[in-house]
Amino acid sequence: MPKKILTGKVIRNKTDKTITVLIERKYQHPLYNKIIKSRKKYHAHDENNKFNVGDIVSIEETKPISKIKKFKVIEVLK
């Protein structure tokens, strides 16, 4: 099974070696055909603490690093 790769915005970087990334996606409701926005926060591993709030990053699913971290940062896009 391929690993999930998600793109989102860093909204928090205060914890050591961890960032919080907000992922927004749009999808169409199957019955009402309305476009719905969905938001979800993911905690991602940042080994060197080099990402700041406002950066657009790409994160990849990995084996669990801690109780809440199951993603790691691949690259910064902006």
PDB file of N, CA and C in Angstrom:
ATOM      1  N   MET A   1       0.836  -1.170   0.000  1.00  0.00           N
ATOM      2  CA  MET A   1       0.000   0.000   0.000  1.00  0.00           C
ATOM      3  C   MET A   1       0.889   1.244   0.000  1.00  0.00           C
ATOM      4  N   PRO A   2       0.635   2.210  -0.902  1.00  0.00           N
ATOM      5  CA  PRO A   2       1.487   3.401  -0.970  1.00  0.00           C
ATOM      6  C   PRO A   2       1.280   4.311   0.243  1.00  0.00           C
ATOM      7  N   LYS A   3       2.321   5.076   0.538  1.00  0.00           N
ATOM      8  CA  LYS A   3       2.262   5.991   1.665  1.00  0.00           C
ATOM      9  C   LYS A   3       1.508   7.256   1.266  1.00  0.00           C
ATOM     10  N   LYS A   4       0.728   7.806   2.210  1.00  0.00           N
ATOM     11  CA  LYS A   4       0.013   9.053   1.943  1.00  0.00           C
ATOM     12  C   LYS A   4       1.000  10.201   1.910  1.00  0.00           C
ATOM     13  N   ILE A   5       0.842  11.088   0.930  1.00  0.00           N
ATOM     14  CA  ILE A   5       1.615  12.318   0.864  1.00  0.00           C
ATOM     15  C   ILE A   5       0.610  13.454   0.830  1.00  0.00           C
ATOM     16  N   LEU A   6       0.693  14.347   1.828  1.00  0.00           N
ATOM     17  CA  LEU A   6      -0.250  15.447   1.970  1.00  0.00           C
ATOM     18  C   LEU A   6       0.498  16.765   1.939  1.00  0.00           C
ATOM     19  N   THR A   7      -0.184  17.824   1.501  1.00  0.00           N
ATOM     20  CA  THR A   7       0.392  19.156   1.444  1.00  0.00           C
ATOM     21  C   THR A   7      -0.455  20.096   2.282  1.00  0.00           C
ATOM     22  N   GLY A   8       0.199  20.872   3.128  1.00  0.00           N
ATOM     23  CA  GLY A   8      -0.545  21.780   3.987  1.00  0.00           C
ATOM     24  C   GLY A   8       0.335  22.882   4.549  1.00  0.00           C
ATOM     25  N   LYS A   9      -0.265  23.672   5.430  1.00  0.00           N
ATOM     26  CA  LYS A   9       0.383  24.851   5.994  1.00  0.00           C
ATOM     27  C   LYS A   9       0.756  24.583   7.449  1.00  0.00           C
ATOM     28  N   VAL A  10       1.958  24.996   7.839  1.00  0.00           N
ATOM     29  CA  VAL A  10       2.412  24.855   9.221  1.00  0.00           C
ATOM     30  C   VAL A  10       1.692  25.903  10.066  1.00  0.00           C
ATOM     31  N   ILE A  11       0.972  25.444  11.116  1.00  0.00           N
ATOM     32  CA  ILE A  11       0.252  26.391  11.961  1.00  0.00           C
ATOM     33  C   ILE A  11       0.838  26.473  13.368  1.00  0.00           C
ATOM     34  N   ARG A  12       1.759  25.565  13.715  1.00  0.00           N
ATOM     35  CA  ARG A  12       2.354  25.586  15.048  1.00  0.00           C
ATOM     36  C   ARG A  12       3.689  24.862  15.009  1.00  0.00           C
ATOM     37  N   ASN A  13       4.692  25.450  15.674  1.00  0.00           N
ATOM     38  CA  ASN A  13       6.008  24.800  15.715  1.00  0.00           C
ATOM     39  C   ASN A  13       6.662  24.922  17.090  1.00  0.00           C
ATOM     40  N   LYS A  14       5.879  25.076  18.140  1.00  0.00           N
ATOM     41  CA  LYS A  14       6.440  25.326  19.468  1.00  0.00           C
ATOM     42  C   LYS A  14       7.005  24.084  20.140  1.00  0.00           C
ATOM     43  N   THR A  15       6.481  22.918  19.843  1.00  0.00           N
ATOM     44  CA  THR A  15       6.996  21.711  20.480  1.00  0.00           C
ATOM     45  C   THR A  15       8.308  21.281  19.829  1.00  0.00           C
ATOM     46  N   ASP A  16       9.159  20.600  20.593  1.00  0.00           N
ATOM     47  CA  ASP A  16      10.474  20.201  20.106  1.00  0.00           C
ATOM     48  C   ASP A  16      10.354  19.074  19.084  1.00  0.00           C
ATOM     49  N   LYS A  17      10.946  19.279  17.912  1.00  0.00           N
ATOM     50  CA  LYS A  17      10.987  18.311  16.807  1.00  0.00           C
ATOM     51  C   LYS A  17       9.608  17.938  16.274  1.00  0.00           C
ATOM     52  N   THR A  18       8.611  18.801  16.468  1.00  0.00           N
ATOM     53  CA  THR A  18       7.261  18.530  15.986  1.00  0.00           C
ATOM     54  C   THR A  18       6.653  19.795  15.414  1.00  0.00           C
ATOM     55  N   ILE A  19       5.932  19.658  14.314  1.00  0.00           N
ATOM     56  CA  ILE A  19       5.140  20.758  13.777  1.00  0.00           C
ATOM     57  C   ILE A  19       3.703  20.270  13.598  1.00  0.00           C
ATOM     58  N   THR A  20       2.786  21.207  13.618  1.00  0.00           N
ATOM     59  CA  THR A  20       1.386  20.891  13.361  1.00  0.00           C
ATOM     60  C   THR A  20       1.042  21.453  11.993  1.00  0.00           C
ATOM     61  N   VAL A  21       0.496  20.608  11.136  1.00  0.00           N
ATOM     62  CA  VAL A  21       0.188  20.984   9.756  1.00  0.00           C
ATOM     63  C   VAL A  21      -1.320  20.918   9.559  1.00  0.00           C
ATOM     64  N   LEU A  22      -1.882  21.975   8.980  1.00  0.00           N
ATOM     65  CA  LEU A  22      -3.315  22.025   8.676  1.00  0.00           C
ATOM     66  C   LEU A  22      -3.518  21.636   7.216  1.00  0.00           C
ATOM     67  N   ILE A  23      -4.285  20.582   6.997  1.00  0.00           N
ATOM     68  CA  ILE A  23      -4.583  20.090   5.647  1.00  0.00           C
ATOM     69  C   ILE A  23      -6.031  20.461   5.336  1.00  0.00           C
ATOM     70  N   GLU A  24      -6.231  21.168   4.225  1.00  0.00           N
ATOM     71  CA  GLU A  24      -7.575  21.520   3.773  1.00  0.00           C
ATOM     72  C   GLU A  24      -7.865  20.771   2.484  1.00  0.00           C
ATOM     73  N   ARG A  25      -9.064  20.211   2.392  1.00  0.00           N
ATOM     74  CA  ARG A  25      -9.450  19.550   1.148  1.00  0.00           C
ATOM     75  C   ARG A  25     -10.896  19.885   0.836  1.00  0.00           C
ATOM     76  N   LYS A  26     -11.235  19.830  -0.433  1.00  0.00           N
ATOM     77  CA  LYS A  26     -12.599  20.079  -0.884  1.00  0.00           C
ATOM     78  C   LYS A  26     -13.122  18.813  -1.541  1.00  0.00           C
ATOM     79  N   TYR A  27     -14.385  18.515  -1.273  1.00  0.00           N
ATOM     80  CA  TYR A  27     -15.006  17.377  -1.931  1.00  0.00           C
ATOM     81  C   TYR A  27     -16.484  17.672  -2.118  1.00  0.00           C
ATOM     82  N   GLN A  28     -17.099  16.950  -3.010  1.00  0.00           N
ATOM     83  CA  GLN A  28     -18.505  17.150  -3.324  1.00  0.00           C
ATOM     84  C   GLN A  28     -19.354  16.148  -2.551  1.00  0.00           C
ATOM     85  N   HIS A  29     -20.413  16.642  -1.915  1.00  0.00           N
ATOM     86  CA  HIS A  29     -21.303  15.760  -1.163  1.00  0.00           C
ATOM     87  C   HIS A  29     -22.008  14.823  -2.140  1.00  0.00           C
ATOM     88  N   PRO A  30     -22.064  13.533  -1.856  1.00  0.00           N
ATOM     89  CA  PRO A  30     -22.620  12.582  -2.824  1.00  0.00           C
ATOM     90  C   PRO A  30     -24.106  12.765  -3.130  1.00  0.00           C
ATOM     91  N   LEU A  31     -24.880  13.224  -2.165  1.00  0.00           N
ATOM     92  CA  LEU A  31     -26.315  13.367  -2.385  1.00  0.00           C
ATOM     93  C   LEU A  31     -26.713  14.794  -2.745  1.00  0.00           C
ATOM     94  N   TYR A  32     -26.178  15.766  -2.020  1.00  0.00           N
ATOM     95  CA  TYR A  32     -26.605  17.156  -2.202  1.00  0.00           C
ATOM     96  C   TYR A  32     -25.764  17.934  -3.204  1.00  0.00           C
ATOM     97  N   ASN A  33     -24.670  17.357  -3.681  1.00  0.00           N
ATOM     98  CA  ASN A  33     -23.793  17.951  -4.693  1.00  0.00           C
ATOM     99  C   ASN A  33     -23.232  19.307  -4.285  1.00  0.00           C
ATOM    100  N   LYS A  34     -23.131  19.553  -2.994  1.00  0.00           N
ATOM    101  CA  LYS A  34     -22.556  20.790  -2.502  1.00  0.00           C
ATOM    102  C   LYS A  34     -21.066  20.580  -2.267  1.00  0.00           C
ATOM    103  N   ILE A  35     -20.248  21.590  -2.573  1.00  0.00           N
ATOM    104  CA  ILE A  35     -18.820  21.513  -2.330  1.00  0.00           C
ATOM    105  C   ILE A  35     -18.585  21.794  -0.844  1.00  0.00           C
ATOM    106  N   ILE A  36     -17.899  20.882  -0.182  1.00  0.00           N
ATOM    107  CA  ILE A  36     -17.652  20.982   1.252  1.00  0.00           C
ATOM    108  C   ILE A  36     -16.159  21.106   1.493  1.00  0.00           C
ATOM    109  N   LYS A  37     -15.765  22.040   2.384  1.00  0.00           N
ATOM    110  CA  LYS A  37     -14.378  22.176   2.794  1.00  0.00           C
ATOM    111  C   LYS A  37     -14.174  21.378   4.069  1.00  0.00           C
ATOM    112  N   SER A  38     -13.101  20.630   4.117  1.00  0.00           N
ATOM    113  CA  SER A  38     -12.769  19.836   5.284  1.00  0.00           C
ATOM    114  C   SER A  38     -11.366  20.214   5.736  1.00  0.00           C
ATOM    115  N   ARG A  39     -11.162  20.355   7.047  1.00  0.00           N
ATOM    116  CA  ARG A  39      -9.856  20.680   7.604  1.00  0.00           C
ATOM    117  C   ARG A  39      -9.474  19.617   8.625  1.00  0.00           C
ATOM    118  N   LYS A  40      -8.195  19.287   8.642  1.00  0.00           N
ATOM    119  CA  LYS A  40      -7.698  18.339   9.620  1.00  0.00           C
ATOM    120  C   LYS A  40      -6.266  18.701   9.987  1.00  0.00           C
ATOM    121  N   LYS A  41      -5.921  18.538  11.256  1.00  0.00           N
ATOM    122  CA  LYS A  41      -4.580  18.831  11.730  1.00  0.00           C
ATOM    123  C   LYS A  41      -3.797  17.534  11.902  1.00  0.00           C
ATOM    124  N   TYR A  42      -2.549  17.559  11.460  1.00  0.00           N
ATOM    125  CA  TYR A  42      -1.653  16.424  11.624  1.00  0.00           C
ATOM    126  C   TYR A  42      -0.386  16.907  12.319  1.00  0.00           C
ATOM    127  N   HIS A  43       0.171  16.070  13.187  1.00  0.00           N
ATOM    128  CA  HIS A  43       1.460  16.346  13.808  1.00  0.00           C
ATOM    129  C   HIS A  43       2.518  15.621  12.991  1.00  0.00           C
ATOM    130  N   ALA A  44       3.584  16.342  12.626  1.00  0.00           N
ATOM    131  CA  ALA A  44       4.628  15.771  11.787  1.00  0.00           C
ATOM    132  C   ALA A  44       5.993  15.942  12.443  1.00  0.00           C
ATOM    133  N   HIS A  45       6.880  15.009  12.184  1.00  0.00           N
ATOM    134  CA  HIS A  45       8.224  15.020  12.764  1.00  0.00           C
ATOM    135  C   HIS A  45       9.119  15.973  11.981  1.00  0.00           C
ATOM    136  N   ASP A  46       9.783  16.880  12.722  1.00  0.00           N
ATOM    137  CA  ASP A  46      10.706  17.867  12.147  1.00  0.00           C
ATOM    138  C   ASP A  46      12.012  17.730  12.918  1.00  0.00           C
ATOM    139  N   GLU A  47      12.944  16.951  12.403  1.00  0.00           N
ATOM    140  CA  GLU A  47      14.155  16.582  13.135  1.00  0.00           C
ATOM    141  C   GLU A  47      14.994  17.783  13.567  1.00  0.00           C
ATOM    142  N   ASN A  48      15.152  18.780  12.697  1.00  0.00           N
ATOM    143  CA  ASN A  48      16.067  19.894  12.981  1.00  0.00           C
ATOM    144  C   ASN A  48      15.367  21.182  13.391  1.00  0.00           C
ATOM    145  N   ASN A  49      14.080  21.142  13.618  1.00  0.00           N
ATOM    146  CA  ASN A  49      13.308  22.341  13.991  1.00  0.00           C
ATOM    147  C   ASN A  49      13.522  23.491  13.006  1.00  0.00           C
ATOM    148  N   LYS A  50      13.501  23.206  11.714  1.00  0.00           N
ATOM    149  CA  LYS A  50      13.810  24.242  10.725  1.00  0.00           C
ATOM    150  C   LYS A  50      12.576  24.834  10.043  1.00  0.00           C
ATOM    151  N   PHE A  51      11.373  24.331  10.318  1.00  0.00           N
ATOM    152  CA  PHE A  51      10.173  24.849   9.666  1.00  0.00           C
ATOM    153  C   PHE A  51       9.470  25.850  10.559  1.00  0.00           C
ATOM    154  N   ASN A  52       8.951  26.910   9.952  1.00  0.00           N
ATOM    155  CA  ASN A  52       8.308  27.991  10.692  1.00  0.00           C
ATOM    156  C   ASN A  52       6.832  28.064  10.362  1.00  0.00           C
ATOM    157  N   VAL A  53       6.098  28.806  11.188  1.00  0.00           N
ATOM    158  CA  VAL A  53       4.673  29.011  10.966  1.00  0.00           C
ATOM    159  C   VAL A  53       4.474  29.733   9.642  1.00  0.00           C
ATOM    160  N   GLY A  54       3.544  29.233   8.832  1.00  0.00           N
ATOM    161  CA  GLY A  54       3.253  29.839   7.538  1.00  0.00           C
ATOM    162  C   GLY A  54       3.890  29.124   6.362  1.00  0.00           C
ATOM    163  N   ASP A  55       4.836  28.230   6.603  1.00  0.00           N
ATOM    164  CA  ASP A  55       5.461  27.477   5.519  1.00  0.00           C
ATOM    165  C   ASP A  55       4.461  26.475   4.943  1.00  0.00           C
ATOM    166  N   ILE A  56       4.532  26.286   3.628  1.00  0.00           N
ATOM    167  CA  ILE A  56       3.755  25.251   2.959  1.00  0.00           C
ATOM    168  C   ILE A  56       4.673  24.038   2.820  1.00  0.00           C
ATOM    169  N   VAL A  57       4.276  22.918   3.431  1.00  0.00           N
ATOM    170  CA  VAL A  57       5.142  21.740   3.460  1.00  0.00           C
ATOM    171  C   VAL A  57       4.409  20.521   2.919  1.00  0.00           C
ATOM    172  N   SER A  58       5.195  19.528   2.559  1.00  0.00           N
ATOM    173  CA  SER A  58       4.684  18.248   2.116  1.00  0.00           C
ATOM    174  C   SER A  58       5.073  17.217   3.173  1.00  0.00           C
ATOM    175  N   ILE A  59       4.094  16.422   3.651  1.00  0.00           N
ATOM    176  CA  ILE A  59       4.359  15.435   4.691  1.00  0.00           C
ATOM    177  C   ILE A  59       4.026  14.037   4.178  1.00  0.00           C
ATOM    178  N   GLU A  60       4.748  13.049   4.700  1.00  0.00           N
ATOM    179  CA  GLU A  60       4.589  11.664   4.257  1.00  0.00           C
ATOM    180  C   GLU A  60       4.289  10.774   5.455  1.00  0.00           C
ATOM    181  N   GLU A  61       3.418   9.807   5.264  1.00  0.00           N
ATOM    182  CA  GLU A  61       3.063   8.856   6.309  1.00  0.00           C
ATOM    183  C   GLU A  61       4.240   7.924   6.589  1.00  0.00           C
ATOM    184  N   THR A  62       4.486   7.665   7.882  1.00  0.00           N
ATOM    185  CA  THR A  62       5.569   6.759   8.284  1.00  0.00           C
ATOM    186  C   THR A  62       5.068   5.836   9.391  1.00  0.00           C
ATOM    187  N   LYS A  63       5.950   5.006   9.890  1.00  0.00           N
ATOM    188  CA  LYS A  63       5.597   4.221  11.069  1.00  0.00           C
ATOM    189  C   LYS A  63       5.450   5.181  12.247  1.00  0.00           C
ATOM    190  N   PRO A  64       4.705   4.832  13.275  1.00  0.00           N
ATOM    191  CA  PRO A  64       4.501   5.749  14.394  1.00  0.00           C
ATOM    192  C   PRO A  64       5.818   6.140  15.072  1.00  0.00           C
ATOM    193  N   ILE A  65       6.029   7.453  15.176  1.00  0.00           N
ATOM    194  CA  ILE A  65       7.225   7.988  15.823  1.00  0.00           C
ATOM    195  C   ILE A  65       6.953   8.204  17.309  1.00  0.00           C
ATOM    196  N   SER A  66       5.736   8.608  17.626  1.00  0.00           N
ATOM    197  CA  SER A  66       5.306   8.760  19.010  1.00  0.00           C
ATOM    198  C   SER A  66       3.809   8.496  19.058  1.00  0.00           C
ATOM    199  N   LYS A  67       3.187   8.837  20.183  1.00  0.00           N
ATOM    200  CA  LYS A  67       1.756   8.568  20.338  1.00  0.00           C
ATOM    201  C   LYS A  67       0.920   9.336  19.311  1.00  0.00           C
ATOM    202  N   ILE A  68       1.318  10.567  18.980  1.00  0.00           N
ATOM    203  CA  ILE A  68       0.505  11.386  18.063  1.00  0.00           C
ATOM    204  C   ILE A  68       1.151  11.606  16.700  1.00  0.00           C
ATOM    205  N   LYS A  69       2.443  11.295  16.552  1.00  0.00           N
ATOM    206  CA  LYS A  69       3.136  11.574  15.289  1.00  0.00           C
ATOM    207  C   LYS A  69       3.232  10.332  14.420  1.00  0.00           C
ATOM    208  N   LYS A  70       2.615  10.411  13.246  1.00  0.00           N
ATOM    209  CA  LYS A  70       2.684   9.328  12.279  1.00  0.00           C
ATOM    210  C   LYS A  70       3.067   9.834  10.890  1.00  0.00           C
ATOM    211  N   PHE A  71       3.555  11.074  10.820  1.00  0.00           N
ATOM    212  CA  PHE A  71       3.978  11.694   9.574  1.00  0.00           C
ATOM    213  C   PHE A  71       5.365  12.325   9.779  1.00  0.00           C
ATOM    214  N   LYS A  72       6.113  12.472   8.688  1.00  0.00           N
ATOM    215  CA  LYS A  72       7.374  13.213   8.722  1.00  0.00           C
ATOM    216  C   LYS A  72       7.371  14.190   7.555  1.00  0.00           C
ATOM    217  N   VAL A  73       8.133  15.256   7.698  1.00  0.00           N
ATOM    218  CA  VAL A  73       8.197  16.295   6.674  1.00  0.00           C
ATOM    219  C   VAL A  73       9.146  15.861   5.576  1.00  0.00           C
ATOM    220  N   ILE A  74       8.691  15.970   4.328  1.00  0.00           N
ATOM    221  CA  ILE A  74       9.539  15.627   3.186  1.00  0.00           C
ATOM    222  C   ILE A  74      10.293  16.859   2.708  1.00  0.00           C
ATOM    223  N   GLU A  75       9.537  17.923   2.409  1.00  0.00           N
ATOM    224  CA  GLU A  75      10.151  19.125   1.841  1.00  0.00           C
ATOM    225  C   GLU A  75       9.271  20.333   2.107  1.00  0.00           C
ATOM    226  N   VAL A  76       9.890  21.505   1.972  1.00  0.00           N
ATOM    227  CA  VAL A  76       9.150  22.758   2.079  1.00  0.00           C
ATOM    228  C   VAL A  76       8.865  23.233   0.647  1.00  0.00           C
ATOM    229  N   LEU A  77       7.643  23.637   0.394  1.00  0.00           N
ATOM    230  CA  LEU A  77       7.273  24.068  -0.947  1.00  0.00           C
ATOM    231  C   LEU A  77       7.340  25.587  -1.091  1.00  0.00           C
ATOM    232  N   LYS A  78       6.996  26.318  -0.027  1.00  0.00           N
ATOM    233  CA  LYS A  78       7.097  27.785  -0.046  1.00  0.00           C
ATOM    234  C   LYS A  78       7.614  28.277   1.275  1.00  0.00           C
TER     235      LYS A  78
END
